[in-house]
Amino acid sequence: METADSQSGVAGGQIEIQLPAGWQPLPTVYHASTGELTATVPDDGSIPDGIYPLRAIVTDAVGNQATITTDADGSTETVSLPLRIVTQLHVGDATALAKRCTLTRLTLPAANPKIVDQRPRAQLVKHCTTVTVPRSHGPLTLAYGQLGSVQGLLQTADGQPIAGAHITATAQPSGWPTQPAGSATTDLQGRFAYQLRPGPSRTITFAFAGTSTLRGTTATSSALVAGKATITATTTARAGRALLLSGRLFGGYIPPRGTLIQLQYRITGFPQHWAPFDVLVRAHRNGTWSTSVPLPSSAAGYTYQIRAVVTTQTDWPYTQTTTNTITRHILP
């Protein structure tokens, strides 16, 4: 908008847009050399599409204000949104990937063809491929260290594919900061494939930044990843003494206060369920943990099965996991 004041001179101003909630200020710059006010109208979908009136509130050097609502030819000043073509980003068809290997027996030429009745030589050749694992509907569920794949489609609001577009991906594990997670490029049909590397449970956000003619857009997908943990114990276990247990929690993303480890036991030959040891232990930042559990004097002669359970926790971005089970016969 152009502004002018023949008396004291224009000192600045503010351009506003009329939304259903009322007039809202826009980021505005005043250019003293040209007498123009320029403002930036958000074109990211934060304002619903439509036609909106604009106005400029102009202030002169002595503090007087005037409101301008028309352009140079007297027409009401408006802006029509969207300014750019609306785009849509769809992600879906997330699948788990697994390695499948086959062994093929190959017969090799005889080492010495002159020897009669020579036993034929053979060699086993291992061939591995990555295949898609069938799954039911819902969030993508992966084992610890397993790969995954997400298919996506970028198109305009009227269904025209957008080819050659750069799609960025960011990942946010639960309770942890967002981090860059790679990128992909759409093909001639506007489609792209993104491979999930081994990692924690996370929300993946795919983003198209847009261009001068295309509005940017985002879409999200998620993956639930099972945790992995191990447990071990000292070789000898005696009644009335403490048994030293230790283990490791894999995958990182352990908060400063540690991740809670639940120790459980049951006695071979008894139909009881797993019972907790009365100790509280947390994994250190490097994933290791250790503690000792007291064995009652009455445990002599019995065989204990021991394991650890790590439940899903707010700042540990994995789903519940159970360690291997160790067995110790309790000596007197």
C-alpha atoms as a PDB file:
ATOM      1  CA  MET A   1       0.000   0.000   0.000  1.00  0.00           C
ATOM      2  CA  GLU A   2       1.177   3.528  -0.799  1.00  0.00           C
ATOM      3  CA  THR A   3       0.867   6.193   1.920  1.00  0.00           C
ATOM      4  CA  ALA A   4       1.395   9.981   2.041  1.00  0.00           C
ATOM      5  CA  ASP A   5       0.934  12.975   4.416  1.00  0.00           C
ATOM      6  CA  SER A   6       1.342  16.493   2.989  1.00  0.00           C
ATOM      7  CA  GLN A   7       1.601  18.123   6.424  1.00  0.00           C
ATOM      8  CA  SER A   8       3.926  16.359   8.849  1.00  0.00           C
ATOM      9  CA  GLY A   9       5.060  13.332   6.845  1.00  0.00           C
ATOM     10  CA  VAL A  10       4.387   9.590   7.332  1.00  0.00           C
ATOM     11  CA  ALA A  11       6.385   7.968  10.101  1.00  0.00           C
ATOM     12  CA  GLY A  12       5.164   4.381   9.746  1.00  0.00           C
ATOM     13  CA  GLY A  13       2.152   2.158   9.743  1.00  0.00           C
ATOM     14  CA  GLN A  14       0.628  -1.292  10.177  1.00  0.00           C
ATOM     15  CA  ILE A  15      -1.220  -3.469   7.657  1.00  0.00           C
ATOM     16  CA  GLU A  16      -3.985  -5.662   9.075  1.00  0.00           C
ATOM     17  CA  ILE A  17      -6.172  -8.477   7.715  1.00  0.00           C
ATOM     18  CA  GLN A  18      -9.799  -8.995   8.696  1.00  0.00           C
ATOM     19  CA  LEU A  19     -10.398 -12.534   9.940  1.00  0.00           C
ATOM     20  CA  PRO A  20     -13.580 -13.963  11.494  1.00  0.00           C
ATOM     21  CA  ALA A  21     -12.132 -13.113  14.932  1.00  0.00           C
ATOM     22  CA  GLY A  22     -11.505  -9.480  13.906  1.00  0.00           C
ATOM     23  CA  TRP A  23      -8.680  -7.403  12.483  1.00  0.00           C
ATOM     24  CA  GLN A  24      -5.268  -9.052  12.957  1.00  0.00           C
ATOM     25  CA  PRO A  25      -1.878  -7.339  12.369  1.00  0.00           C
ATOM     26  CA  LEU A  26       0.456  -8.680   9.706  1.00  0.00           C
ATOM     27  CA  PRO A  27       4.279  -8.432   9.775  1.00  0.00           C
ATOM     28  CA  THR A  28       4.701  -4.984   8.187  1.00  0.00           C
ATOM     29  CA  VAL A  29       7.665  -2.946   6.881  1.00  0.00           C
ATOM     30  CA  TYR A  30       7.535   0.795   6.022  1.00  0.00           C
ATOM     31  CA  HIS A  31       9.806   2.014   3.213  1.00  0.00           C
ATOM     32  CA  ALA A  32      10.374   5.742   3.827  1.00  0.00           C
ATOM     33  CA  SER A  33      11.983   6.343   0.425  1.00  0.00           C
ATOM     34  CA  THR A  34       8.916   5.152  -1.497  1.00  0.00           C
ATOM     35  CA  GLY A  35       6.171   5.723   1.081  1.00  0.00           C
ATOM     36  CA  GLU A  36       5.088   2.099   0.826  1.00  0.00           C
ATOM     37  CA  LEU A  37       3.957  -0.338   3.494  1.00  0.00           C
ATOM     38  CA  THR A  38       4.559  -4.005   2.717  1.00  0.00           C
ATOM     39  CA  ALA A  39       3.207  -6.943   4.693  1.00  0.00           C
ATOM     40  CA  THR A  40       3.549 -10.715   4.572  1.00  0.00           C
ATOM     41  CA  VAL A  41       0.318 -12.710   4.391  1.00  0.00           C
ATOM     42  CA  PRO A  42       0.744 -16.292   5.680  1.00  0.00           C
ATOM     43  CA  ASP A  43       0.181 -18.796   2.884  1.00  0.00           C
ATOM     44  CA  ASP A  44       0.760 -21.961   4.882  1.00  0.00           C
ATOM     45  CA  GLY A  45      -2.828 -22.934   5.566  1.00  0.00           C
ATOM     46  CA  SER A  46      -2.975 -21.208   8.959  1.00  0.00           C
ATOM     47  CA  ILE A  47      -5.629 -18.879   7.487  1.00  0.00           C
ATOM     48  CA  PRO A  48      -8.531 -20.700   5.756  1.00  0.00           C
ATOM     49  CA  ASP A  49      -8.827 -20.149   2.015  1.00  0.00           C
ATOM     50  CA  GLY A  50     -11.023 -17.214   1.066  1.00  0.00           C
ATOM     51  CA  ILE A  51     -11.089 -13.483   0.282  1.00  0.00           C
ATOM     52  CA  TYR A  52     -10.097 -11.166   3.137  1.00  0.00           C
ATOM     53  CA  PRO A  53     -10.226  -7.344   3.414  1.00  0.00           C
ATOM     54  CA  LEU A  54      -7.006  -5.484   4.204  1.00  0.00           C
ATOM     55  CA  ARG A  55      -6.418  -2.108   5.807  1.00  0.00           C
ATOM     56  CA  ALA A  56      -3.444   0.087   6.612  1.00  0.00           C
ATOM     57  CA  ILE A  57      -3.256   2.157   9.787  1.00  0.00           C
ATOM     58  CA  VAL A  58      -0.839   4.994   9.004  1.00  0.00           C
ATOM     59  CA  THR A  59       0.914   7.139  11.627  1.00  0.00           C
ATOM     60  CA  ASP A  60       2.469  10.552  10.869  1.00  0.00           C
ATOM     61  CA  ALA A  61       5.451  12.207  12.544  1.00  0.00           C
ATOM     62  CA  VAL A  62       3.311  13.842  15.272  1.00  0.00           C
ATOM     63  CA  GLY A  63       1.334  10.702  16.143  1.00  0.00           C
ATOM     64  CA  ASN A  64      -1.842  11.226  14.124  1.00  0.00           C
ATOM     65  CA  GLN A  65      -3.386   8.092  12.592  1.00  0.00           C
ATOM     66  CA  ALA A  66      -5.404   7.429   9.457  1.00  0.00           C
ATOM     67  CA  THR A  67      -6.952   4.223   8.158  1.00  0.00           C
ATOM     68  CA  ILE A  68      -6.716   3.255   4.477  1.00  0.00           C
ATOM     69  CA  THR A  69      -9.001   0.476   3.159  1.00  0.00           C
ATOM     70  CA  THR A  70      -8.904   1.092  -0.625  1.00  0.00           C
ATOM     71  CA  ASP A  71      -6.291   0.928  -3.342  1.00  0.00           C
ATOM     72  CA  ALA A  72      -5.281   3.689  -5.775  1.00  0.00           C
ATOM     73  CA  ASP A  73      -8.418   3.304  -7.954  1.00  0.00           C
ATOM     74  CA  GLY A  74     -10.793   3.318  -4.976  1.00  0.00           C
ATOM     75  CA  SER A  75     -11.460  -0.440  -4.856  1.00  0.00           C
ATOM     76  CA  THR A  76     -11.554  -2.214  -1.519  1.00  0.00           C
ATOM     77  CA  GLU A  77      -8.131  -3.715  -0.805  1.00  0.00           C
ATOM     78  CA  THR A  78      -8.403  -7.505  -0.416  1.00  0.00           C
ATOM     79  CA  VAL A  79      -6.269 -10.611  -0.600  1.00  0.00           C
ATOM     80  CA  SER A  80      -7.416 -13.971  -1.953  1.00  0.00           C
ATOM     81  CA  LEU A  81      -6.058 -17.130  -0.351  1.00  0.00           C
ATOM     82  CA  PRO A  82      -4.480 -19.455  -1.239  1.00  0.00           C
ATOM     83  CA  LEU A  83      -1.770 -17.464  -2.977  1.00  0.00           C
ATOM     84  CA  ARG A  84      -0.104 -20.677  -4.164  1.00  0.00           C
ATOM     85  CA  ILE A  85      -1.445 -24.009  -5.417  1.00  0.00           C
ATOM     86  CA  VAL A  86      -2.496 -26.211  -2.485  1.00  0.00           C
ATOM     87  CA  THR A  87      -0.613 -29.489  -2.217  1.00  0.00           C
ATOM     88  CA  GLN A  88      -1.343 -32.687  -0.295  1.00  0.00           C
ATOM     89  CA  LEU A  89       1.127 -35.196   1.094  1.00  0.00           C
ATOM     90  CA  HIS A  90      -0.157 -38.692   1.826  1.00  0.00           C
ATOM     91  CA  VAL A  91       1.832 -41.368   3.635  1.00  0.00           C
ATOM     92  CA  GLY A  92       0.689 -44.895   4.269  1.00  0.00           C
ATOM     93  CA  ASP A  93       1.299 -48.522   3.412  1.00  0.00           C
ATOM     94  CA  ALA A  94       4.017 -48.724   6.054  1.00  0.00           C
ATOM     95  CA  THR A  95       5.538 -52.204   6.008  1.00  0.00           C
ATOM     96  CA  ALA A  96       8.100 -54.129   7.988  1.00  0.00           C
ATOM     97  CA  LEU A  97      11.104 -55.529   6.153  1.00  0.00           C
ATOM     98  CA  ALA A  98      12.940 -58.743   6.958  1.00  0.00           C
ATOM     99  CA  LYS A  99      15.897 -60.621   5.533  1.00  0.00           C
ATOM    100  CA  ARG A 100      15.103 -64.034   4.038  1.00  0.00           C
ATOM    101  CA  CYS A 101      17.937 -66.377   3.085  1.00  0.00           C
ATOM    102  CA  THR A 102      18.041 -69.603   1.061  1.00  0.00           C
ATOM    103  CA  LEU A 103      20.789 -72.185   0.584  1.00  0.00           C
ATOM    104  CA  THR A 104      21.453 -73.598  -2.876  1.00  0.00           C
ATOM    105  CA  ARG A 105      23.629 -76.675  -3.453  1.00  0.00           C
ATOM    106  CA  LEU A 106      25.922 -76.247  -6.463  1.00  0.00           C
ATOM    107  CA  THR A 107      27.791 -79.201  -7.975  1.00  0.00           C
ATOM    108  CA  LEU A 108      31.387 -78.348  -8.789  1.00  0.00           C
ATOM    109  CA  PRO A 109      33.612 -79.924 -11.436  1.00  0.00           C
ATOM    110  CA  ALA A 110      35.721 -82.850 -10.257  1.00  0.00           C
ATOM    111  CA  ALA A 111      39.108 -81.871  -8.897  1.00  0.00           C
ATOM    112  CA  ASN A 112      40.796 -84.540 -11.085  1.00  0.00           C
ATOM    113  CA  PRO A 113      38.677 -85.804 -14.014  1.00  0.00           C
ATOM    114  CA  LYS A 114      41.035 -88.775 -14.521  1.00  0.00           C
ATOM    115  CA  ILE A 115      40.039 -90.405 -11.239  1.00  0.00           C
ATOM    116  CA  VAL A 116      37.152 -92.854 -11.723  1.00  0.00           C
ATOM    117  CA  ASP A 117      34.295 -92.995  -9.192  1.00  0.00           C
ATOM    118  CA  GLN A 118      35.459 -89.742  -7.659  1.00  0.00           C
ATOM    119  CA  ARG A 119      32.892 -88.331  -5.225  1.00  0.00           C
ATOM    120  CA  PRO A 120      31.376 -85.157  -6.774  1.00  0.00           C
ATOM    121  CA  ARG A 121      32.181 -81.930  -5.049  1.00  0.00           C
ATOM    122  CA  ALA A 122      29.477 -79.499  -3.981  1.00  0.00           C
ATOM    123  CA  GLN A 123      29.201 -76.063  -2.441  1.00  0.00           C
ATOM    124  CA  LEU A 124      26.378 -74.416  -0.529  1.00  0.00           C
ATOM    125  CA  VAL A 125      25.634 -70.872  -1.696  1.00  0.00           C
ATOM    126  CA  LYS A 126      23.691 -68.531   0.579  1.00  0.00           C
ATOM    127  CA  HIS A 127      21.440 -65.961  -1.083  1.00  0.00           C
ATOM    128  CA  CYS A 128      19.604 -63.322   0.986  1.00  0.00           C
ATOM    129  CA  THR A 129      16.921 -60.836  -0.024  1.00  0.00           C
ATOM    130  CA  THR A 130      14.860 -58.248   1.812  1.00  0.00           C
ATOM    131  CA  VAL A 131      11.149 -59.036   1.749  1.00  0.00           C
ATOM    132  CA  THR A 132       7.989 -57.357   2.995  1.00  0.00           C
ATOM    133  CA  VAL A 133       6.410 -58.833   6.109  1.00  0.00           C
ATOM    134  CA  PRO A 134       2.581 -58.968   5.991  1.00  0.00           C
ATOM    135  CA  ARG A 135       0.917 -57.057   8.813  1.00  0.00           C
ATOM    136  CA  SER A 136      -2.512 -56.012  10.038  1.00  0.00           C
ATOM    137  CA  HIS A 137      -3.783 -52.432   9.980  1.00  0.00           C
ATOM    138  CA  GLY A 138      -2.521 -50.009  12.611  1.00  0.00           C
ATOM    139  CA  PRO A 139       0.852 -48.493  13.561  1.00  0.00           C
ATOM    140  CA  LEU A 140       3.901 -50.128  12.054  1.00  0.00           C
ATOM    141  CA  THR A 141       5.285 -52.581  14.626  1.00  0.00           C
ATOM    142  CA  LEU A 142       8.936 -53.570  14.349  1.00  0.00           C
ATOM    143  CA  ALA A 143      11.257 -55.877  16.214  1.00  0.00           C
ATOM    144  CA  TYR A 144      14.423 -54.389  17.671  1.00  0.00           C
ATOM    145  CA  GLY A 145      16.844 -53.593  14.831  1.00  0.00           C
ATOM    146  CA  GLN A 146      14.281 -54.308  12.109  1.00  0.00           C
ATOM    147  CA  LEU A 147      13.943 -52.181   8.987  1.00  0.00           C
ATOM    148  CA  GLY A 148      10.687 -50.677   7.770  1.00  0.00           C
ATOM    149  CA  SER A 149       9.385 -48.900   4.701  1.00  0.00           C
ATOM    150  CA  VAL A 150       6.874 -46.069   4.197  1.00  0.00           C
ATOM    151  CA  GLN A 151       5.261 -45.212   0.870  1.00  0.00           C
ATOM    152  CA  GLY A 152       4.174 -41.638   0.129  1.00  0.00           C
ATOM    153  CA  LEU A 153       2.410 -39.552  -2.502  1.00  0.00           C
ATOM    154  CA  LEU A 154       2.653 -35.804  -3.202  1.00  0.00           C
ATOM    155  CA  GLN A 155       0.013 -34.175  -5.361  1.00  0.00           C
ATOM    156  CA  THR A 156      -1.983 -30.998  -5.803  1.00  0.00           C
ATOM    157  CA  ALA A 157      -5.406 -30.650  -4.203  1.00  0.00           C
ATOM    158  CA  ASP A 158      -7.030 -31.622  -7.523  1.00  0.00           C
ATOM    159  CA  GLY A 159      -4.989 -34.810  -7.785  1.00  0.00           C
ATOM    160  CA  GLN A 160      -2.137 -33.824 -10.092  1.00  0.00           C
ATOM    161  CA  PRO A 161       1.129 -35.608  -9.164  1.00  0.00           C
ATOM    162  CA  ILE A 162       4.149 -33.468  -8.285  1.00  0.00           C
ATOM    163  CA  ALA A 163       7.296 -35.015  -9.726  1.00  0.00           C
ATOM    164  CA  GLY A 164      10.887 -34.376  -8.652  1.00  0.00           C
ATOM    165  CA  ALA A 165       9.911 -32.829  -5.310  1.00  0.00           C
ATOM    166  CA  HIS A 166      12.292 -32.968  -2.368  1.00  0.00           C
ATOM    167  CA  ILE A 167      10.710 -34.542   0.711  1.00  0.00           C
ATOM    168  CA  THR A 168      12.511 -34.187   4.052  1.00  0.00           C
ATOM    169  CA  ALA A 169      11.936 -36.445   7.037  1.00  0.00           C
ATOM    170  CA  THR A 170      12.368 -35.719  10.727  1.00  0.00           C
ATOM    171  CA  ALA A 171      11.916 -38.188  13.580  1.00  0.00           C
ATOM    172  CA  GLN A 172      10.878 -37.627  17.179  1.00  0.00           C
ATOM    173  CA  PRO A 173      11.241 -40.472  19.669  1.00  0.00           C
ATOM    174  CA  SER A 174       8.799 -40.136  22.560  1.00  0.00           C
ATOM    175  CA  GLY A 175      10.253 -37.752  25.149  1.00  0.00           C
ATOM    176  CA  TRP A 176      13.242 -36.797  22.998  1.00  0.00           C
ATOM    177  CA  PRO A 177      14.038 -33.896  20.614  1.00  0.00           C
ATOM    178  CA  THR A 178      13.219 -34.002  16.929  1.00  0.00           C
ATOM    179  CA  GLN A 179      16.139 -34.923  14.686  1.00  0.00           C
ATOM    180  CA  PRO A 180      16.797 -35.061  10.912  1.00  0.00           C
ATOM    181  CA  ALA A 181      15.956 -38.450   9.436  1.00  0.00           C
ATOM    182  CA  GLY A 182      16.841 -38.335   5.757  1.00  0.00           C
ATOM    183  CA  SER A 183      14.975 -37.380   2.599  1.00  0.00           C
ATOM    184  CA  ALA A 184      13.360 -38.731  -0.555  1.00  0.00           C
ATOM    185  CA  THR A 185      12.460 -37.503  -4.049  1.00  0.00           C
ATOM    186  CA  THR A 186       9.124 -38.061  -5.765  1.00  0.00           C
ATOM    187  CA  ASP A 187       8.989 -39.927  -9.077  1.00  0.00           C
ATOM    188  CA  LEU A 188       6.958 -39.004 -12.167  1.00  0.00           C
ATOM    189  CA  GLN A 189       3.763 -40.178 -10.426  1.00  0.00           C
ATOM    190  CA  GLY A 190       4.519 -38.078  -7.340  1.00  0.00           C
ATOM    191  CA  ARG A 191       5.323 -41.184  -5.282  1.00  0.00           C
ATOM    192  CA  PHE A 192       8.281 -41.836  -3.014  1.00  0.00           C
ATOM    193  CA  ALA A 193       9.578 -44.610  -0.775  1.00  0.00           C
ATOM    194  CA  TYR A 194      11.283 -43.998   2.547  1.00  0.00           C
ATOM    195  CA  GLN A 195      13.181 -46.645   4.483  1.00  0.00           C
ATOM    196  CA  LEU A 196      13.081 -46.605   8.271  1.00  0.00           C
ATOM    197  CA  ARG A 197      16.491 -47.438   9.671  1.00  0.00           C
ATOM    198  CA  PRO A 198      16.793 -49.406  12.919  1.00  0.00           C
ATOM    199  CA  GLY A 199      15.995 -47.156  15.851  1.00  0.00           C
ATOM    200  CA  PRO A 200      13.479 -46.423  18.603  1.00  0.00           C
ATOM    201  CA  SER A 201       9.724 -45.970  18.460  1.00  0.00           C
ATOM    202  CA  ARG A 202       9.167 -42.626  16.816  1.00  0.00           C
ATOM    203  CA  THR A 203       6.894 -40.288  14.904  1.00  0.00           C
ATOM    204  CA  ILE A 204       8.218 -39.475  11.441  1.00  0.00           C
ATOM    205  CA  THR A 205       7.163 -36.173   9.860  1.00  0.00           C
ATOM    206  CA  PHE A 206       7.483 -35.829   6.097  1.00  0.00           C
ATOM    207  CA  ALA A 207       7.584 -32.285   4.736  1.00  0.00           C
ATOM    208  CA  PHE A 208       7.438 -30.637   1.322  1.00  0.00           C
ATOM    209  CA  ALA A 209       8.743 -27.074   1.725  1.00  0.00           C
ATOM    210  CA  GLY A 210       6.850 -25.772  -1.289  1.00  0.00           C
ATOM    211  CA  THR A 211       7.940 -23.466  -4.102  1.00  0.00           C
ATOM    212  CA  SER A 212       7.000 -20.024  -5.374  1.00  0.00           C
ATOM    213  CA  THR A 213       3.888 -21.555  -6.943  1.00  0.00           C
ATOM    214  CA  LEU A 214       3.209 -24.581  -4.705  1.00  0.00           C
ATOM    215  CA  ARG A 215       2.224 -24.409  -1.043  1.00  0.00           C
ATOM    216  CA  GLY A 216       4.176 -26.617   1.355  1.00  0.00           C
ATOM    217  CA  THR A 217       2.581 -29.475   3.240  1.00  0.00           C
ATOM    218  CA  THR A 218       3.382 -32.169   5.820  1.00  0.00           C
ATOM    219  CA  ALA A 219       2.224 -35.640   6.852  1.00  0.00           C
ATOM    220  CA  THR A 220       3.200 -38.034   9.632  1.00  0.00           C
ATOM    221  CA  SER A 221       3.702 -41.744  10.177  1.00  0.00           C
ATOM    222  CA  SER A 222       4.746 -43.703  13.249  1.00  0.00           C
ATOM    223  CA  ALA A 223       6.604 -46.864  14.202  1.00  0.00           C
ATOM    224  CA  LEU A 224       6.512 -48.890  17.409  1.00  0.00           C
ATOM    225  CA  VAL A 225       9.778 -50.712  18.082  1.00  0.00           C
ATOM    226  CA  ALA A 226      10.257 -53.484  20.638  1.00  0.00           C
ATOM    227  CA  GLY A 227      13.046 -53.056  23.162  1.00  0.00           C
ATOM    228  CA  LYS A 228      15.898 -55.478  23.706  1.00  0.00           C
ATOM    229  CA  ALA A 229      17.535 -56.425  27.000  1.00  0.00           C
ATOM    230  CA  THR A 230      19.631 -59.227  28.502  1.00  0.00           C
ATOM    231  CA  ILE A 231      20.269 -60.585  31.997  1.00  0.00           C
ATOM    232  CA  THR A 232      22.986 -62.712  33.599  1.00  0.00           C
ATOM    233  CA  ALA A 233      23.872 -63.846  37.130  1.00  0.00           C
ATOM    234  CA  THR A 234      26.797 -65.214  39.077  1.00  0.00           C
ATOM    235  CA  THR A 235      27.305 -68.922  38.508  1.00  0.00           C
ATOM    236  CA  THR A 236      26.804 -70.071  42.103  1.00  0.00           C
ATOM    237  CA  ALA A 237      23.653 -69.273  44.083  1.00  0.00           C
ATOM    238  CA  ARG A 238      23.470 -70.092  47.806  1.00  0.00           C
ATOM    239  CA  ALA A 239      20.542 -69.904  50.203  1.00  0.00           C
ATOM    240  CA  GLY A 240      20.739 -67.070  52.724  1.00  0.00           C
ATOM    241  CA  ARG A 241      23.104 -65.080  50.546  1.00  0.00           C
ATOM    242  CA  ALA A 242      22.745 -62.442  47.845  1.00  0.00           C
ATOM    243  CA  LEU A 243      22.760 -63.329  44.178  1.00  0.00           C
ATOM    244  CA  LEU A 244      24.412 -60.789  41.890  1.00  0.00           C
ATOM    245  CA  LEU A 245      22.369 -59.961  38.778  1.00  0.00           C
ATOM    246  CA  SER A 246      23.433 -57.750  35.906  1.00  0.00           C
ATOM    247  CA  GLY A 247      22.362 -56.995  32.383  1.00  0.00           C
ATOM    248  CA  ARG A 248      22.157 -54.556  29.538  1.00  0.00           C
ATOM    249  CA  LEU A 249      19.468 -52.503  27.859  1.00  0.00           C
ATOM    250  CA  PHE A 250      20.159 -51.944  24.149  1.00  0.00           C
ATOM    251  CA  GLY A 251      19.335 -49.095  21.794  1.00  0.00           C
ATOM    252  CA  GLY A 252      20.245 -46.040  23.852  1.00  0.00           C
ATOM    253  CA  TYR A 253      17.724 -43.279  24.573  1.00  0.00           C
ATOM    254  CA  ILE A 254      18.037 -43.841  28.305  1.00  0.00           C
ATOM    255  CA  PRO A 255      17.135 -40.697  30.295  1.00  0.00           C
ATOM    256  CA  PRO A 256      19.449 -39.218  32.948  1.00  0.00           C
ATOM    257  CA  ARG A 257      17.491 -40.827  35.778  1.00  0.00           C
ATOM    258  CA  GLY A 258      17.758 -44.238  34.097  1.00  0.00           C
ATOM    259  CA  THR A 259      15.209 -46.745  32.851  1.00  0.00           C
ATOM    260  CA  LEU A 260      13.384 -48.917  35.370  1.00  0.00           C
ATOM    261  CA  ILE A 261      14.177 -52.642  35.296  1.00  0.00           C
ATOM    262  CA  GLN A 262      11.709 -55.083  36.907  1.00  0.00           C
ATOM    263  CA  LEU A 263      13.314 -58.300  38.193  1.00  0.00           C
ATOM    264  CA  GLN A 264      11.125 -61.400  38.463  1.00  0.00           C
ATOM    265  CA  TYR A 265      11.481 -65.043  39.522  1.00  0.00           C
ATOM    266  CA  ARG A 266       9.556 -68.269  39.771  1.00  0.00           C
ATOM    267  CA  ILE A 267      10.429 -71.658  41.228  1.00  0.00           C
ATOM    268  CA  THR A 268      10.632 -74.696  38.974  1.00  0.00           C
ATOM    269  CA  GLY A 269       7.937 -77.240  39.743  1.00  0.00           C
ATOM    270  CA  PHE A 270       5.492 -74.762  41.232  1.00  0.00           C
ATOM    271  CA  PRO A 271       2.499 -73.517  39.214  1.00  0.00           C
ATOM    272  CA  GLN A 272       2.811 -69.951  40.494  1.00  0.00           C
ATOM    273  CA  HIS A 273       3.186 -66.942  38.233  1.00  0.00           C
ATOM    274  CA  TRP A 274       6.257 -64.761  37.995  1.00  0.00           C
ATOM    275  CA  ALA A 275       6.829 -62.809  41.216  1.00  0.00           C
ATOM    276  CA  PRO A 276       8.880 -59.617  41.627  1.00  0.00           C
ATOM    277  CA  PHE A 277      12.122 -59.378  43.579  1.00  0.00           C
ATOM    278  CA  ASP A 278      11.875 -56.663  46.212  1.00  0.00           C
ATOM    279  CA  VAL A 279      14.585 -54.473  44.674  1.00  0.00           C
ATOM    280  CA  LEU A 280      14.528 -51.347  42.534  1.00  0.00           C
ATOM    281  CA  VAL A 281      17.111 -51.036  39.779  1.00  0.00           C
ATOM    282  CA  ARG A 282      17.568 -48.690  36.831  1.00  0.00           C
ATOM    283  CA  ALA A 283      19.767 -48.972  33.766  1.00  0.00           C
ATOM    284  CA  HIS A 284      22.613 -46.448  33.501  1.00  0.00           C
ATOM    285  CA  ARG A 285      22.964 -44.093  30.534  1.00  0.00           C
ATOM    286  CA  ASN A 286      25.180 -46.675  28.782  1.00  0.00           C
ATOM    287  CA  GLY A 287      22.473 -49.324  29.193  1.00  0.00           C
ATOM    288  CA  THR A 288      24.193 -51.466  31.828  1.00  0.00           C
ATOM    289  CA  TRP A 289      22.751 -52.276  35.239  1.00  0.00           C
ATOM    290  CA  SER A 290      23.579 -54.524  38.196  1.00  0.00           C
ATOM    291  CA  THR A 291      22.143 -55.317  41.613  1.00  0.00           C
ATOM    292  CA  SER A 292      22.012 -58.087  44.190  1.00  0.00           C
ATOM    293  CA  VAL A 293      18.914 -59.922  45.394  1.00  0.00           C
ATOM    294  CA  PRO A 294      18.739 -61.781  48.715  1.00  0.00           C
ATOM    295  CA  LEU A 295      17.907 -65.483  48.590  1.00  0.00           C
ATOM    296  CA  PRO A 296      16.059 -66.807  51.674  1.00  0.00           C
ATOM    297  CA  SER A 297      17.536 -69.661  53.677  1.00  0.00           C
ATOM    298  CA  SER A 298      14.473 -71.733  52.801  1.00  0.00           C
ATOM    299  CA  ALA A 299      15.402 -71.566  49.091  1.00  0.00           C
ATOM    300  CA  ALA A 300      18.017 -74.322  49.431  1.00  0.00           C
ATOM    301  CA  GLY A 301      17.368 -77.194  47.081  1.00  0.00           C
ATOM    302  CA  TYR A 302      15.003 -75.277  44.825  1.00  0.00           C
ATOM    303  CA  THR A 303      15.652 -74.117  41.270  1.00  0.00           C
ATOM    304  CA  TYR A 304      14.937 -70.477  40.471  1.00  0.00           C
ATOM    305  CA  GLN A 305      14.110 -69.091  37.035  1.00  0.00           C
ATOM    306  CA  ILE A 306      14.987 -65.382  36.798  1.00  0.00           C
ATOM    307  CA  ARG A 307      14.250 -62.730  34.196  1.00  0.00           C
ATOM    308  CA  ALA A 308      13.897 -58.966  33.791  1.00  0.00           C
ATOM    309  CA  VAL A 309      10.995 -57.045  32.278  1.00  0.00           C
ATOM    310  CA  VAL A 310      11.279 -53.508  30.913  1.00  0.00           C
ATOM    311  CA  THR A 311       7.885 -51.894  30.404  1.00  0.00           C
ATOM    312  CA  THR A 312       7.150 -48.998  28.071  1.00  0.00           C
ATOM    313  CA  GLN A 313       8.086 -45.775  29.838  1.00  0.00           C
ATOM    314  CA  THR A 314       7.468 -42.119  29.012  1.00  0.00           C
ATOM    315  CA  ASP A 315      11.071 -41.254  28.152  1.00  0.00           C
ATOM    316  CA  TRP A 316      12.258 -44.680  26.982  1.00  0.00           C
ATOM    317  CA  PRO A 317      10.961 -44.908  23.384  1.00  0.00           C
ATOM    318  CA  TYR A 318      10.540 -48.654  23.000  1.00  0.00           C
ATOM    319  CA  THR A 319       7.709 -51.082  23.682  1.00  0.00           C
ATOM    320  CA  GLN A 320       7.845 -53.613  26.517  1.00  0.00           C
ATOM    321  CA  THR A 321      10.509 -56.285  26.348  1.00  0.00           C
ATOM    322  CA  THR A 322      11.467 -59.341  28.395  1.00  0.00           C
ATOM    323  CA  THR A 323      15.016 -60.630  28.740  1.00  0.00           C
ATOM    324  CA  ASN A 324      16.263 -64.160  28.424  1.00  0.00           C
ATOM    325  CA  THR A 325      15.540 -66.421  31.401  1.00  0.00           C
ATOM    326  CA  ILE A 326      18.424 -67.723  33.521  1.00  0.00           C
ATOM    327  CA  THR A 327      18.190 -70.754  35.793  1.00  0.00           C
ATOM    328  CA  ARG A 328      20.061 -71.239  39.074  1.00  0.00           C
ATOM    329  CA  HIS A 329      19.833 -74.190  41.457  1.00  0.00           C
ATOM    330  CA  ILE A 330      20.076 -72.859  45.009  1.00  0.00           C
ATOM    331  CA  LEU A 331      22.788 -74.549  47.080  1.00  0.00           C
ATOM    332  CA  PRO A 332      22.684 -74.784  50.906  1.00  0.00           C
END
